[in-house]
Protein backbone atom coordinates (compact mmCIF):
# COMPACT_ATOMS: atom_id res chain seq x y z
CA MET A 1 39.49 40.04 38.74
CA ILE A 2 40.48 36.69 36.81
CA GLU A 3 38.11 35.72 33.71
CA HIS A 4 39.20 31.81 33.22
CA THR A 5 36.90 30.87 30.04
CA VAL A 6 37.84 27.64 27.72
CA THR A 7 35.82 26.74 24.56
CA PHE A 8 36.16 23.24 23.32
CA ARG A 9 34.67 20.66 21.06
CA LEU A 10 33.39 17.25 22.45
CA LYS A 11 34.68 13.73 20.36
CA PRO A 12 31.80 13.08 17.76
CA SER A 13 31.78 9.24 18.77
CA LEU A 14 30.58 10.00 22.56
CA GLU A 15 27.65 8.67 23.61
CA PRO A 16 24.45 11.15 24.61
CA GLN A 17 25.47 9.43 27.93
CA ILE A 18 28.98 10.50 28.45
CA VAL A 19 28.08 14.30 27.40
CA SER A 20 26.01 13.87 29.93
CA ASP A 21 27.92 12.43 32.22
CA PHE A 22 31.01 15.27 30.65
CA MET A 23 28.69 18.49 31.40
CA GLN A 24 27.28 17.19 35.15
CA VAL A 25 30.80 16.88 35.91
CA ALA A 26 31.77 19.95 34.53
CA SER A 27 29.63 21.76 36.38
CA GLU A 28 30.48 20.38 39.93
CA LEU A 29 33.94 22.50 39.99
CA ALA A 30 31.50 25.43 40.36
CA ASN A 31 31.60 24.52 44.06
CA ILE A 32 35.31 24.30 44.11
CA PRO A 33 36.50 27.27 47.01
CA GLY A 34 36.75 30.72 44.88
CA VAL A 35 35.17 30.15 41.96
CA GLN A 36 32.59 32.59 41.03
CA GLU A 37 29.68 33.18 38.10
CA PHE A 38 30.47 29.86 36.71
CA ALA A 39 28.64 29.37 33.45
CA ILE A 40 28.69 26.21 30.88
CA ARG A 41 27.08 27.42 27.63
CA ARG A 42 26.79 26.05 24.36
CA GLN A 43 28.09 27.57 21.34
CA VAL A 44 26.21 28.92 18.23
CA SER A 45 28.11 30.44 15.75
CA PRO A 46 29.05 28.52 12.66
CA LYS A 47 32.26 31.17 12.76
CA CYS A 48 33.64 29.10 15.18
CA ALA A 49 34.44 25.14 15.39
CA HIS A 50 33.92 24.43 19.01
CA SER A 51 30.39 23.26 20.74
CA PHE A 52 30.95 24.86 24.10
CA GLY A 53 32.30 26.74 26.47
CA ILE A 54 33.39 26.72 29.94
CA THR A 55 33.35 30.45 32.05
CA MET A 56 34.31 31.71 35.49
CA LYS A 57 35.78 34.25 37.72
CA PHE A 58 38.23 34.29 40.21
CA ASP A 59 39.27 37.68 42.84
CA SER A 60 43.10 36.88 42.37
CA GLN A 61 45.65 34.54 41.31
CA ALA A 62 46.16 33.23 43.75
CA THR A 63 42.68 31.62 44.00
CA TYR A 64 43.22 31.05 40.51
CA ASP A 65 46.06 28.57 41.21
CA HIS A 66 43.99 27.05 43.71
CA TYR A 67 41.63 25.76 41.60
CA SER A 68 43.78 24.77 39.09
CA SER A 69 45.84 22.60 41.20
CA HIS A 70 42.50 21.93 43.21
CA PRO A 71 41.93 17.69 43.92
CA MET A 72 38.58 18.22 41.94
CA HIS A 73 39.95 20.26 38.82
CA GLU A 74 42.75 17.79 38.23
CA ALA A 75 39.88 14.92 38.70
CA PHE A 76 37.84 16.20 35.72
CA VAL A 77 40.98 16.70 33.67
CA LYS A 78 42.15 13.31 34.34
CA ASN A 79 38.79 11.47 33.93
CA TYR A 80 37.23 13.39 31.29
CA TRP A 81 38.85 16.31 30.11
CA LEU A 82 41.96 14.17 28.98
CA LYS A 83 39.67 11.28 27.11
CA HIS A 84 36.58 13.12 25.82
CA VAL A 85 37.57 16.61 24.58
CA GLU A 86 39.03 16.81 21.05
CA ASP A 87 40.01 20.56 20.88
CA PHE A 88 39.64 23.32 22.75
CA GLN A 89 41.42 26.78 23.59
CA GLU A 90 41.79 28.20 27.05
CA VAL A 91 41.79 32.06 27.96
CA ASP A 92 42.75 34.25 31.30
CA PHE A 93 41.44 37.50 31.09
CA LEU A 94 42.20 40.76 33.11
CA PRO A 95 40.30 43.74 33.15
CA LEU A 96 42.00 46.47 31.26
CA ASP A 97 42.03 49.34 33.82
């Protein structure tokens, strides 16, 4: 099981409607086959400069690779992520056992 997590900060100049659209389109990534336990969360710790997090799980590397190259994911990255995200960190976790 791979847990894919990305934390990010949107550009501060974004209009509220653009932020809302971003989150709506991001939530649709949950519909890509193989995505499990999808969640978008607001980050509240003052220790972190990122404002949001998206997390999801995949059964295998092949399923994760399918997600990464899926046209819906690629369109989100091109049309929303690259335009509106100021900073991010991406991590992929495997269980220790």
